[in-house]
Amino acid sequence: WAKPSKNNADVDKLSYAVGLEKWQWMIGTGFYVDDIDDTV
């Protein structure tokens, strides 16, 4: 996904989601994980 702080360059992002079955909803959140690559 494009990361604004890296001039909108495409970097790795990880998201996690769960469902609210009764309403047929997916809710989730995510964040960039390019700092892992930087550390490595």
PDB file of all heavy atoms in Angstrom:
ATOM      1  N   TRP A   1       0.848  -1.187   0.000  1.00  0.00           N
ATOM      2  CA  TRP A   1       0.000   0.000   0.000  1.00  0.00           C
ATOM      3  C   TRP A   1       0.885   1.238   0.000  1.00  0.00           C
ATOM      4  O   TRP A   1       1.992   1.212   0.533  1.00  0.00           O
ATOM      5  CB  TRP A   1      -0.914  -0.020   1.226  1.00  0.00           C
ATOM      6  CG  TRP A   1      -2.093   0.898   1.139  1.00  0.00           C
ATOM      7  CD1 TRP A   1      -2.288   2.072   1.817  1.00  0.00           C
ATOM      8  CD2 TRP A   1      -3.265   0.711   0.334  1.00  0.00           C
ATOM      9  NE1 TRP A   1      -3.495   2.622   1.494  1.00  0.00           N
ATOM     10  CE2 TRP A   1      -4.127   1.803   0.580  1.00  0.00           C
ATOM     11  CE3 TRP A   1      -3.664  -0.272  -0.569  1.00  0.00           C
ATOM     12  CZ2 TRP A   1      -5.356   1.940  -0.055  1.00  0.00           C
ATOM     13  CZ3 TRP A   1      -4.897  -0.139  -1.194  1.00  0.00           C
ATOM     14  CH2 TRP A   1      -5.720   0.953  -0.936  1.00  0.00           C
ATOM     15  N   ALA A   2       0.408   2.317  -0.598  1.00  0.00           N
ATOM     16  CA  ALA A   2       1.188   3.552  -0.666  1.00  0.00           C
ATOM     17  C   ALA A   2       1.360   4.139   0.739  1.00  0.00           C
ATOM     18  O   ALA A   2       0.394   4.241   1.497  1.00  0.00           O
ATOM     19  CB  ALA A   2       0.501   4.559  -1.572  1.00  0.00           C
ATOM     20  N   LYS A   3       2.597   4.516   1.057  1.00  0.00           N
ATOM     21  CA  LYS A   3       2.878   5.097   2.374  1.00  0.00           C
ATOM     22  C   LYS A   3       3.265   6.567   2.208  1.00  0.00           C
ATOM     23  O   LYS A   3       4.305   6.880   1.606  1.00  0.00           O
ATOM     24  CB  LYS A   3       4.012   4.335   3.070  1.00  0.00           C
ATOM     25  CG  LYS A   3       4.240   4.788   4.510  1.00  0.00           C
ATOM     26  CD  LYS A   3       5.251   3.910   5.207  1.00  0.00           C
ATOM     27  CE  LYS A   3       5.393   4.291   6.674  1.00  0.00           C
ATOM     28  NZ  LYS A   3       6.369   3.442   7.388  1.00  0.00           N
ATOM     29  N   PRO A   4       2.446   7.489   2.724  1.00  0.00           N
ATOM     30  CA  PRO A   4       2.706   8.923   2.548  1.00  0.00           C
ATOM     31  C   PRO A   4       4.094   9.358   3.004  1.00  0.00           C
ATOM     32  O   PRO A   4       4.742  10.171   2.344  1.00  0.00           O
ATOM     33  CB  PRO A   4       1.612   9.576   3.405  1.00  0.00           C
ATOM     34  CG  PRO A   4       0.507   8.571   3.422  1.00  0.00           C
ATOM     35  CD  PRO A   4       1.196   7.237   3.461  1.00  0.00           C
ATOM     36  N   SER A   5       4.564   8.818   4.136  1.00  0.00           N
ATOM     37  CA  SER A   5       5.857   9.244   4.679  1.00  0.00           C
ATOM     38  C   SER A   5       7.042   8.735   3.861  1.00  0.00           C
ATOM     39  O   SER A   5       8.185   9.115   4.116  1.00  0.00           O
ATOM     40  CB  SER A   5       6.006   8.790   6.135  1.00  0.00           C
ATOM     41  OG  SER A   5       5.988   7.377   6.220  1.00  0.00           O
ATOM     42  N   LYS A   6       6.776   7.866   2.884  1.00  0.00           N
ATOM     43  CA  LYS A   6       7.822   7.383   1.976  1.00  0.00           C
ATOM     44  C   LYS A   6       7.485   7.761   0.542  1.00  0.00           C
ATOM     45  O   LYS A   6       7.614   6.974  -0.393  1.00  0.00           O
ATOM     46  CB  LYS A   6       8.000   5.863   2.111  1.00  0.00           C
ATOM     47  CG  LYS A   6       8.714   5.456   3.390  1.00  0.00           C
ATOM     48  CD  LYS A   6       9.239   4.028   3.315  1.00  0.00           C
ATOM     49  CE  LYS A   6      10.120   3.714   4.512  1.00  0.00           C
ATOM     50  NZ  LYS A   6      10.681   2.346   4.476  1.00  0.00           N
ATOM     51  N   ASN A   7       7.002   9.001   0.396  1.00  0.00           N
ATOM     52  CA  ASN A   7       6.654   9.544  -0.919  1.00  0.00           C
ATOM     53  C   ASN A   7       5.641   8.680  -1.662  1.00  0.00           C
ATOM     54  O   ASN A   7       5.713   8.509  -2.885  1.00  0.00           O
ATOM     55  CB  ASN A   7       7.917   9.714  -1.781  1.00  0.00           C
ATOM     56  CG  ASN A   7       8.898  10.695  -1.174  1.00  0.00           C
ATOM     57  OD1 ASN A   7       8.489  11.754  -0.688  1.00  0.00           O
ATOM     58  ND2 ASN A   7      10.172  10.355  -1.188  1.00  0.00           N
ATOM     59  N   ASN A   8       4.705   8.132  -0.894  1.00  0.00           N
ATOM     60  CA  ASN A   8       3.643   7.283  -1.455  1.00  0.00           C
ATOM     61  C   ASN A   8       4.178   6.040  -2.167  1.00  0.00           C
ATOM     62  O   ASN A   8       3.504   5.498  -3.055  1.00  0.00           O
ATOM     63  CB  ASN A   8       2.755   8.090  -2.405  1.00  0.00           C
ATOM     64  CG  ASN A   8       1.821   9.027  -1.655  1.00  0.00           C
ATOM     65  OD1 ASN A   8       1.258   8.678  -0.628  1.00  0.00           O
ATOM     66  ND2 ASN A   8       1.664  10.242  -2.169  1.00  0.00           N
ATOM     67  N   ALA A   9       5.370   5.616  -1.762  1.00  0.00           N
ATOM     68  CA  ALA A   9       5.918   4.373  -2.327  1.00  0.00           C
ATOM     69  C   ALA A   9       5.127   3.186  -1.781  1.00  0.00           C
ATOM     70  O   ALA A   9       4.617   3.222  -0.661  1.00  0.00           O
ATOM     71  CB  ALA A   9       7.392   4.234  -1.947  1.00  0.00           C
ATOM     72  N   ASP A  10       5.000   2.133  -2.600  1.00  0.00           N
ATOM     73  CA  ASP A  10       4.313   0.925  -2.158  1.00  0.00           C
ATOM     74  C   ASP A  10       5.191   0.166  -1.173  1.00  0.00           C
ATOM     75  O   ASP A  10       6.319  -0.209  -1.506  1.00  0.00           O
ATOM     76  CB  ASP A  10       3.983   0.016  -3.352  1.00  0.00           C
ATOM     77  CG  ASP A  10       2.795   0.527  -4.150  1.00  0.00           C
ATOM     78  OD1 ASP A  10       2.053   1.360  -3.618  1.00  0.00           O
ATOM     79  OD2 ASP A  10       2.620   0.097  -5.298  1.00  0.00           O
ATOM     80  N   VAL A  11       4.679  -0.056   0.027  1.00  0.00           N
ATOM     81  CA  VAL A  11       5.415  -0.812   1.047  1.00  0.00           C
ATOM     82  C   VAL A  11       4.471  -1.859   1.636  1.00  0.00           C
ATOM     83  O   VAL A  11       3.250  -1.809   1.456  1.00  0.00           O
ATOM     84  CB  VAL A  11       5.969   0.101   2.158  1.00  0.00           C
ATOM     85  CG1 VAL A  11       6.901   1.156   1.589  1.00  0.00           C
ATOM     86  CG2 VAL A  11       4.836   0.777   2.917  1.00  0.00           C
ATOM     87  N   ASP A  12       5.046  -2.812   2.354  1.00  0.00           N
ATOM     88  CA  ASP A  12       4.255  -3.892   2.939  1.00  0.00           C
ATOM     89  C   ASP A  12       3.353  -3.372   4.059  1.00  0.00           C
ATOM     90  O   ASP A  12       3.763  -2.570   4.892  1.00  0.00           O
ATOM     91  CB  ASP A  12       5.166  -4.980   3.504  1.00  0.00           C
ATOM     92  CG  ASP A  12       5.883  -5.761   2.409  1.00  0.00           C
ATOM     93  OD1 ASP A  12       5.344  -5.807   1.289  1.00  0.00           O
ATOM     94  OD2 ASP A  12       6.961  -6.312   2.687  1.00  0.00           O
ATOM     95  N   LYS A  13       2.120  -3.870   4.045  1.00  0.00           N
ATOM     96  CA  LYS A  13       1.172  -3.542   5.101  1.00  0.00           C
ATOM     97  C   LYS A  13       0.497  -4.831   5.554  1.00  0.00           C
ATOM     98  O   LYS A  13       0.258  -5.730   4.741  1.00  0.00           O
ATOM     99  CB  LYS A  13       0.122  -2.546   4.604  1.00  0.00           C
ATOM    100  CG  LYS A  13      -0.717  -1.928   5.707  1.00  0.00           C
ATOM    101  CD  LYS A  13      -1.561  -0.765   5.198  1.00  0.00           C
ATOM    102  CE  LYS A  13      -2.273  -0.070   6.357  1.00  0.00           C
ATOM    103  NZ  LYS A  13      -3.060   1.098   5.895  1.00  0.00           N
ATOM    104  N   LEU A  14       0.223  -4.919   6.834  1.00  0.00           N
ATOM    105  CA  LEU A  14      -0.407  -6.108   7.409  1.00  0.00           C
ATOM    106  C   LEU A  14      -1.697  -5.692   8.096  1.00  0.00           C
ATOM    107  O   LEU A  14      -1.714  -4.722   8.858  1.00  0.00           O
ATOM    108  CB  LEU A  14       0.542  -6.762   8.423  1.00  0.00           C
ATOM    109  CG  LEU A  14       0.067  -8.054   9.094  1.00  0.00           C
ATOM    110  CD1 LEU A  14       0.008  -9.188   8.069  1.00  0.00           C
ATOM    111  CD2 LEU A  14       1.008  -8.436  10.232  1.00  0.00           C
ATOM    112  N   SER A  15      -2.779  -6.420   7.823  1.00  0.00           N
ATOM    113  CA  SER A  15      -4.060  -6.115   8.458  1.00  0.00           C
ATOM    114  C   SER A  15      -4.651  -7.370   9.079  1.00  0.00           C
ATOM    115  O   SER A  15      -4.378  -8.491   8.639  1.00  0.00           O
ATOM    116  CB  SER A  15      -5.051  -5.544   7.436  1.00  0.00           C
ATOM    117  OG  SER A  15      -4.709  -4.223   7.078  1.00  0.00           O
ATOM    118  N   TYR A  16      -5.474  -7.139  10.094  1.00  0.00           N
ATOM    119  CA  TYR A  16      -6.186  -8.228  10.761  1.00  0.00           C
ATOM    120  C   TYR A  16      -7.658  -7.871  10.797  1.00  0.00           C
ATOM    121  O   TYR A  16      -8.026  -6.715  11.056  1.00  0.00           O
ATOM    122  CB  TYR A  16      -5.665  -8.414  12.186  1.00  0.00           C
ATOM    123  CG  TYR A  16      -6.359  -9.515  12.948  1.00  0.00           C
ATOM    124  CD1 TYR A  16      -6.102 -10.855  12.663  1.00  0.00           C
ATOM    125  CD2 TYR A  16      -7.281  -9.220  13.956  1.00  0.00           C
ATOM    126  CE1 TYR A  16      -6.745 -11.871  13.358  1.00  0.00           C
ATOM    127  CE2 TYR A  16      -7.916 -10.227  14.660  1.00  0.00           C
ATOM    128  CZ  TYR A  16      -7.646 -11.552  14.354  1.00  0.00           C
ATOM    129  OH  TYR A  16      -8.286 -12.554  15.039  1.00  0.00           O
ATOM    130  N   ALA A  17      -8.521  -8.843  10.517  1.00  0.00           N
ATOM    131  CA  ALA A  17      -9.954  -8.579  10.467  1.00  0.00           C
ATOM    132  C   ALA A  17     -10.747  -9.703  11.113  1.00  0.00           C
ATOM    133  O   ALA A  17     -10.331 -10.869  11.083  1.00  0.00           O
ATOM    134  CB  ALA A  17     -10.404  -8.397   9.019  1.00  0.00           C
ATOM    135  N   VAL A  18     -11.889  -9.344  11.696  1.00  0.00           N
ATOM    136  CA  VAL A  18     -12.835 -10.314  12.249  1.00  0.00           C
ATOM    137  C   VAL A  18     -14.221  -9.956  11.726  1.00  0.00           C
ATOM    138  O   VAL A  18     -14.436  -8.871  11.174  1.00  0.00           O
ATOM    139  CB  VAL A  18     -12.839 -10.316  13.797  1.00  0.00           C
ATOM    140  CG1 VAL A  18     -11.474 -10.713  14.338  1.00  0.00           C
ATOM    141  CG2 VAL A  18     -13.258  -8.954  14.337  1.00  0.00           C
ATOM    142  N   GLY A  19     -15.166 -10.861  11.920  1.00  0.00           N
ATOM    143  CA  GLY A  19     -16.499 -10.625  11.409  1.00  0.00           C
ATOM    144  C   GLY A  19     -17.543 -10.402  12.492  1.00  0.00           C
ATOM    145  O   GLY A  19     -17.436 -10.945  13.597  1.00  0.00           O
ATOM    146  N   LEU A  20     -18.536  -9.588  12.175  1.00  0.00           N
ATOM    147  CA  LEU A  20     -19.751  -9.458  12.970  1.00  0.00           C
ATOM    148  C   LEU A  20     -20.841 -10.139  12.144  1.00  0.00           C
ATOM    149  O   LEU A  20     -21.472  -9.517  11.279  1.00  0.00           O
ATOM    150  CB  LEU A  20     -20.082  -7.995  13.240  1.00  0.00           C
ATOM    151  CG  LEU A  20     -19.047  -7.182  14.034  1.00  0.00           C
ATOM    152  CD1 LEU A  20     -19.524  -5.741  14.222  1.00  0.00           C
ATOM    153  CD2 LEU A  20     -18.765  -7.821  15.393  1.00  0.00           C
ATOM    154  N   GLU A  21     -21.016 -11.429  12.380  1.00  0.00           N
ATOM    155  CA  GLU A  21     -21.852 -12.257  11.501  1.00  0.00           C
ATOM    156  C   GLU A  21     -23.296 -11.768  11.409  1.00  0.00           C
ATOM    157  O   GLU A  21     -23.897 -11.778  10.335  1.00  0.00           O
ATOM    158  CB  GLU A  21     -21.820 -13.714  11.989  1.00  0.00           C
ATOM    159  CG  GLU A  21     -20.468 -14.387  11.821  1.00  0.00           C
ATOM    160  CD  GLU A  21     -20.034 -14.446  10.372  1.00  0.00           C
ATOM    161  OE1 GLU A  21     -20.903 -14.675   9.493  1.00  0.00           O
ATOM    162  OE2 GLU A  21     -18.842 -14.263  10.108  1.00  0.00           O
ATOM    163  N   LYS A  22     -23.859 -11.359  12.522  1.00  0.00           N
ATOM    164  CA  LYS A  22     -25.271 -10.953  12.531  1.00  0.00           C
ATOM    165  C   LYS A  22     -25.523  -9.805  11.559  1.00  0.00           C
ATOM    166  O   LYS A  22     -26.564  -9.747  10.899  1.00  0.00           O
ATOM    167  CB  LYS A  22     -25.683 -10.569  13.953  1.00  0.00           C
ATOM    168  CG  LYS A  22     -27.133 -10.166  14.100  1.00  0.00           C
ATOM    169  CD  LYS A  22     -27.529 -10.085  15.561  1.00  0.00           C
ATOM    170  CE  LYS A  22     -26.691  -9.115  16.365  1.00  0.00           C
ATOM    171  NZ  LYS A  22     -27.088  -9.061  17.793  1.00  0.00           N
ATOM    172  N   TRP A  23     -24.542  -8.897  11.480  1.00  0.00           N
ATOM    173  CA  TRP A  23     -24.683  -7.739  10.601  1.00  0.00           C
ATOM    174  C   TRP A  23     -23.964  -7.936   9.264  1.00  0.00           C
ATOM    175  O   TRP A  23     -24.011  -7.068   8.408  1.00  0.00           O
ATOM    176  CB  TRP A  23     -24.141  -6.484  11.282  1.00  0.00           C
ATOM    177  CG  TRP A  23     -24.982  -6.011  12.425  1.00  0.00           C
ATOM    178  CD1 TRP A  23     -26.231  -6.462  12.777  1.00  0.00           C
ATOM    179  CD2 TRP A  23     -24.630  -5.000  13.367  1.00  0.00           C
ATOM    180  NE1 TRP A  23     -26.688  -5.801  13.873  1.00  0.00           N
ATOM    181  CE2 TRP A  23     -25.731  -4.877  14.272  1.00  0.00           C
ATOM    182  CE3 TRP A  23     -23.532  -4.188  13.555  1.00  0.00           C
ATOM    183  CZ2 TRP A  23     -25.738  -3.972  15.330  1.00  0.00           C
ATOM    184  CZ3 TRP A  23     -23.528  -3.292  14.608  1.00  0.00           C
ATOM    185  CH2 TRP A  23     -24.624  -3.177  15.491  1.00  0.00           C
ATOM    186  N   GLN A  24     -23.256  -9.059   9.135  1.00  0.00           N
ATOM    187  CA  GLN A  24     -22.498  -9.314   7.906  1.00  0.00           C
ATOM    188  C   GLN A  24     -21.452  -8.218   7.664  1.00  0.00           C
ATOM    189  O   GLN A  24     -21.301  -7.697   6.560  1.00  0.00           O
ATOM    190  CB  GLN A  24     -23.433  -9.419   6.691  1.00  0.00           C
ATOM    191  CG  GLN A  24     -24.453 -10.559   6.791  1.00  0.00           C
ATOM    192  CD  GLN A  24     -23.806 -11.932   6.615  1.00  0.00           C
ATOM    193  OE1 GLN A  24     -23.479 -12.330   5.494  1.00  0.00           O
ATOM    194  NE2 GLN A  24     -23.613 -12.643   7.710  1.00  0.00           N
ATOM    195  N   TRP A  25     -20.731  -7.902   8.736  1.00  0.00           N
ATOM    196  CA  TRP A  25     -19.689  -6.879   8.688  1.00  0.00           C
ATOM    197  C   TRP A  25     -18.319  -7.491   8.900  1.00  0.00           C
ATOM    198  O   TRP A  25     -18.160  -8.476   9.624  1.00  0.00           O
ATOM    199  CB  TRP A  25     -19.888  -5.839   9.787  1.00  0.00           C
ATOM    200  CG  TRP A  25     -20.989  -4.852   9.575  1.00  0.00           C
ATOM    201  CD1 TRP A  25     -21.951  -4.849   8.595  1.00  0.00           C
ATOM    202  CD2 TRP A  25     -21.253  -3.704  10.401  1.00  0.00           C
ATOM    203  NE1 TRP A  25     -22.795  -3.791   8.763  1.00  0.00           N
ATOM    204  CE2 TRP A  25     -22.388  -3.061   9.860  1.00  0.00           C
ATOM    205  CE3 TRP A  25     -20.650  -3.174  11.531  1.00  0.00           C
ATOM    206  CZ2 TRP A  25     -22.930  -1.908  10.415  1.00  0.00           C
ATOM    207  CZ3 TRP A  25     -21.178  -2.026  12.101  1.00  0.00           C
ATOM    208  CH2 TRP A  25     -22.305  -1.389  11.541  1.00  0.00           C
ATOM    209  N   MET A  26     -17.345  -6.867   8.292  1.00  0.00           N
ATOM    210  CA  MET A  26     -15.938  -7.150   8.568  1.00  0.00           C
ATOM    211  C   MET A  26     -15.352  -5.901   9.213  1.00  0.00           C
ATOM    212  O   MET A  26     -15.498  -4.795   8.679  1.00  0.00           O
ATOM    213  CB  MET A  26     -15.179  -7.482   7.283  1.00  0.00           C
ATOM    214  CG  MET A  26     -13.664  -7.634   7.460  1.00  0.00           C
ATOM    215  SD  MET A  26     -12.739  -6.081   7.224  1.00  0.00           S
ATOM    216  CE  MET A  26     -12.798  -5.913   5.438  1.00  0.00           C
ATOM    217  N   ILE A  27     -14.709  -6.064  10.370  1.00  0.00           N
ATOM    218  CA  ILE A  27     -14.007  -4.934  10.974  1.00  0.00           C
ATOM    219  C   ILE A  27     -12.540  -5.329  11.183  1.00  0.00           C
ATOM    220  O   ILE A  27     -12.232  -6.474  11.473  1.00  0.00           O
ATOM    221  CB  ILE A  27     -14.648  -4.482  12.313  1.00  0.00           C
ATOM    222  CG1 ILE A  27     -14.429  -5.518  13.406  1.00  0.00           C
ATOM    223  CG2 ILE A  27     -16.126  -4.205  12.128  1.00  0.00           C
ATOM    224  CD1 ILE A  27     -14.880  -5.031  14.769  1.00  0.00           C
ATOM    225  N   GLY A  28     -11.681  -4.361  10.999  1.00  0.00           N
ATOM    226  CA  GLY A  28     -10.261  -4.682  11.128  1.00  0.00           C
ATOM    227  C   GLY A  28      -9.399  -3.449  11.245  1.00  0.00           C
ATOM    228  O   GLY A  28      -9.897  -2.316  11.273  1.00  0.00           O
ATOM    229  N   THR A  29      -8.124  -3.682  11.304  1.00  0.00           N
ATOM    230  CA  THR A  29      -7.147  -2.602  11.333  1.00  0.00           C
ATOM    231  C   THR A  29      -5.846  -3.123  10.759  1.00  0.00           C
ATOM    232  O   THR A  29      -5.658  -4.330  10.584  1.00  0.00           O
ATOM    233  CB  THR A  29      -6.940  -2.075  12.769  1.00  0.00           C
ATOM    234  OG1 THR A  29      -6.184  -0.855  12.717  1.00  0.00           O
ATOM    235  CG2 THR A  29      -6.189  -3.074  13.637  1.00  0.00           C
ATOM    236  N   GLY A  30      -4.942  -2.215  10.459  1.00  0.00           N
ATOM    237  CA  GLY A  30      -3.656  -2.630   9.894  1.00  0.00           C
ATOM    238  C   GLY A  30      -2.624  -1.538  10.038  1.00  0.00           C
ATOM    239  O   GLY A  30      -2.957  -0.388  10.327  1.00  0.00           O
ATOM    240  N   PHE A  31      -1.382  -1.915   9.855  1.00  0.00           N
ATOM    241  CA  PHE A  31      -0.340  -0.898   9.786  1.00  0.00           C
ATOM    242  C   PHE A  31       0.833  -1.381   8.953  1.00  0.00           C
ATOM    243  O   PHE A  31       0.970  -2.559   8.648  1.00  0.00           O
ATOM    244  CB  PHE A  31       0.140  -0.416  11.161  1.00  0.00           C
ATOM    245  CG  PHE A  31       0.278  -1.456  12.232  1.00  0.00           C
ATOM    246  CD1 PHE A  31       1.100  -2.566  12.064  1.00  0.00           C
ATOM    247  CD2 PHE A  31      -0.406  -1.317  13.416  1.00  0.00           C
ATOM    248  CE1 PHE A  31       1.242  -3.493  13.070  1.00  0.00           C
ATOM    249  CE2 PHE A  31      -0.271  -2.251  14.437  1.00  0.00           C
ATOM    250  CZ  PHE A  31       0.548  -3.338  14.263  1.00  0.00           C
ATOM    251  N   TYR A  32       1.637  -0.409   8.549  1.00  0.00           N
ATOM    252  CA  TYR A  32       2.787  -0.706   7.694  1.00  0.00           C
ATOM    253  C   TYR A  32       3.828  -1.511   8.472  1.00  0.00           C
ATOM    254  O   TYR A  32       4.033  -1.282   9.656  1.00  0.00           O
ATOM    255  CB  TYR A  32       3.408   0.590   7.172  1.00  0.00           C
ATOM    256  CG  TYR A  32       2.484   1.379   6.276  1.00  0.00           C
ATOM    257  CD1 TYR A  32       1.792   2.485   6.753  1.00  0.00           C
ATOM    258  CD2 TYR A  32       2.299   1.009   4.946  1.00  0.00           C
ATOM    259  CE1 TYR A  32       0.938   3.204   5.937  1.00  0.00           C
ATOM    260  CE2 TYR A  32       1.438   1.720   4.116  1.00  0.00           C
ATOM    261  CZ  TYR A  32       0.765   2.819   4.612  1.00  0.00           C
ATOM    262  OH  TYR A  32      -0.091   3.517   3.806  1.00  0.00           O
ATOM    263  N   VAL A  33       4.457  -2.438   7.768  1.00  0.00           N
ATOM    264  CA  VAL A  33       5.462  -3.282   8.419  1.00  0.00           C
ATOM    265  C   VAL A  33       6.816  -3.172   7.717  1.00  0.00           C
ATOM    266  O   VAL A  33       7.674  -4.039   7.858  1.00  0.00           O
ATOM    267  CB  VAL A  33       4.997  -4.757   8.465  1.00  0.00           C
ATOM    268  CG1 VAL A  33       3.797  -4.911   9.380  1.00  0.00           C
ATOM    269  CG2 VAL A  33       4.659  -5.285   7.062  1.00  0.00           C
ATOM    270  N   ASP A  34       7.012  -2.080   6.962  1.00  0.00           N
ATOM    271  CA  ASP A  34       8.293  -1.897   6.289  1.00  0.00           C
ATOM    272  C   ASP A  34       9.428  -1.673   7.278  1.00  0.00           C
ATOM    273  O   ASP A  34      10.597  -1.873   6.933  1.00  0.00           O
ATOM    274  CB  ASP A  34       8.228  -0.727   5.301  1.00  0.00           C
ATOM    275  CG  ASP A  34       7.751   0.559   5.963  1.00  0.00           C
ATOM    276  OD1 ASP A  34       6.722   0.514   6.670  1.00  0.00           O
ATOM    277  OD2 ASP A  34       8.400   1.607   5.778  1.00  0.00           O
ATOM    278  N   ASP A  35       9.082  -1.276   8.524  1.00  0.00           N
ATOM    279  CA  ASP A  35      10.129  -1.093   9.531  1.00  0.00           C
ATOM    280  C   ASP A  35      10.796  -2.426   9.871  1.00  0.00           C
ATOM    281  O   ASP A  35      11.954  -2.454  10.300  1.00  0.00           O
ATOM    282  CB  ASP A  35       9.567  -0.444  10.795  1.00  0.00           C
ATOM    283  CG  ASP A  35       8.406  -1.223  11.396  1.00  0.00           C
ATOM    284  OD1 ASP A  35       7.650  -1.846  10.636  1.00  0.00           O
ATOM    285  OD2 ASP A  35       8.260  -1.205  12.630  1.00  0.00           O
ATOM    286  N   ILE A  36      10.067  -3.538   9.653  1.00  0.00           N
ATOM    287  CA  ILE A  36      10.673  -4.855   9.861  1.00  0.00           C
ATOM    288  C   ILE A  36      11.801  -5.063   8.859  1.00  0.00           C
ATOM    289  O   ILE A  36      12.909  -5.482   9.212  1.00  0.00           O
ATOM    290  CB  ILE A  36       9.623  -5.975   9.732  1.00  0.00           C
ATOM    291  CG1 ILE A  36       8.613  -5.892  10.881  1.00  0.00           C
ATOM    292  CG2 ILE A  36      10.297  -7.350   9.722  1.00  0.00           C
ATOM    293  CD1 ILE A  36       7.501  -6.920  10.803  1.00  0.00           C
ATOM    294  N   ASP A  37      11.524  -4.756   7.586  1.00  0.00           N
ATOM    295  CA  ASP A  37      12.552  -4.888   6.557  1.00  0.00           C
ATOM    296  C   ASP A  37      13.734  -3.963   6.841  1.00  0.00           C
ATOM    297  O   ASP A  37      14.896  -4.343   6.642  1.00  0.00           O
ATOM    298  CB  ASP A  37      11.974  -4.574   5.172  1.00  0.00           C
ATOM    299  CG  ASP A  37      11.026  -5.655   4.676  1.00  0.00           C
ATOM    300  OD1 ASP A  37      11.207  -6.825   5.075  1.00  0.00           O
ATOM    301  OD2 ASP A  37      10.119  -5.335   3.900  1.00  0.00           O
ATOM    302  N   ASP A  38      13.438  -2.743   7.299  1.00  0.00           N
ATOM    303  CA  ASP A  38      14.511  -1.794   7.613  1.00  0.00           C
ATOM    304  C   ASP A  38      15.409  -2.343   8.723  1.00  0.00           C
ATOM    305  O   ASP A  38      16.644  -2.235   8.654  1.00  0.00           O
ATOM    306  CB  ASP A  38      13.922  -0.446   8.043  1.00  0.00           C
ATOM    307  CG  ASP A  38      13.193   0.258   6.908  1.00  0.00           C
ATOM    308  OD1 ASP A  38      13.419  -0.120   5.743  1.00  0.00           O
ATOM    309  OD2 ASP A  38      12.385   1.163   7.199  1.00  0.00           O
ATOM    310  N   THR A  39      14.794  -2.947   9.733  1.00  0.00           N
ATOM    311  CA  THR A  39      15.553  -3.514  10.852  1.00  0.00           C
ATOM    312  C   THR A  39      16.395  -4.702  10.389  1.00  0.00           C
ATOM    313  O   THR A  39      17.556  -4.851  10.791  1.00  0.00           O
ATOM    314  CB  THR A  39      14.600  -3.968  11.980  1.00  0.00           C
ATOM    315  OG1 THR A  39      13.828  -2.843  12.421  1.00  0.00           O
ATOM    316  CG2 THR A  39      15.382  -4.534  13.159  1.00  0.00           C
ATOM    317  N   VAL A  40      15.816  -5.530   9.534  1.00  0.00           N
ATOM    318  CA  VAL A  40      16.527  -6.707   9.027  1.00  0.00           C
ATOM    319  C   VAL A  40      17.708  -6.285   8.150  1.00  0.00           C
ATOM    320  O   VAL A  40      18.800  -6.857   8.252  1.00  0.00           O
ATOM    321  CB  VAL A  40      15.569  -7.624   8.233  1.00  0.00           C
ATOM    322  CG1 VAL A  40      16.340  -8.684   7.461  1.00  0.00           C
ATOM    323  CG2 VAL A  40      14.580  -8.293   9.175  1.00  0.00           C
TER     324      VAL A  40
END
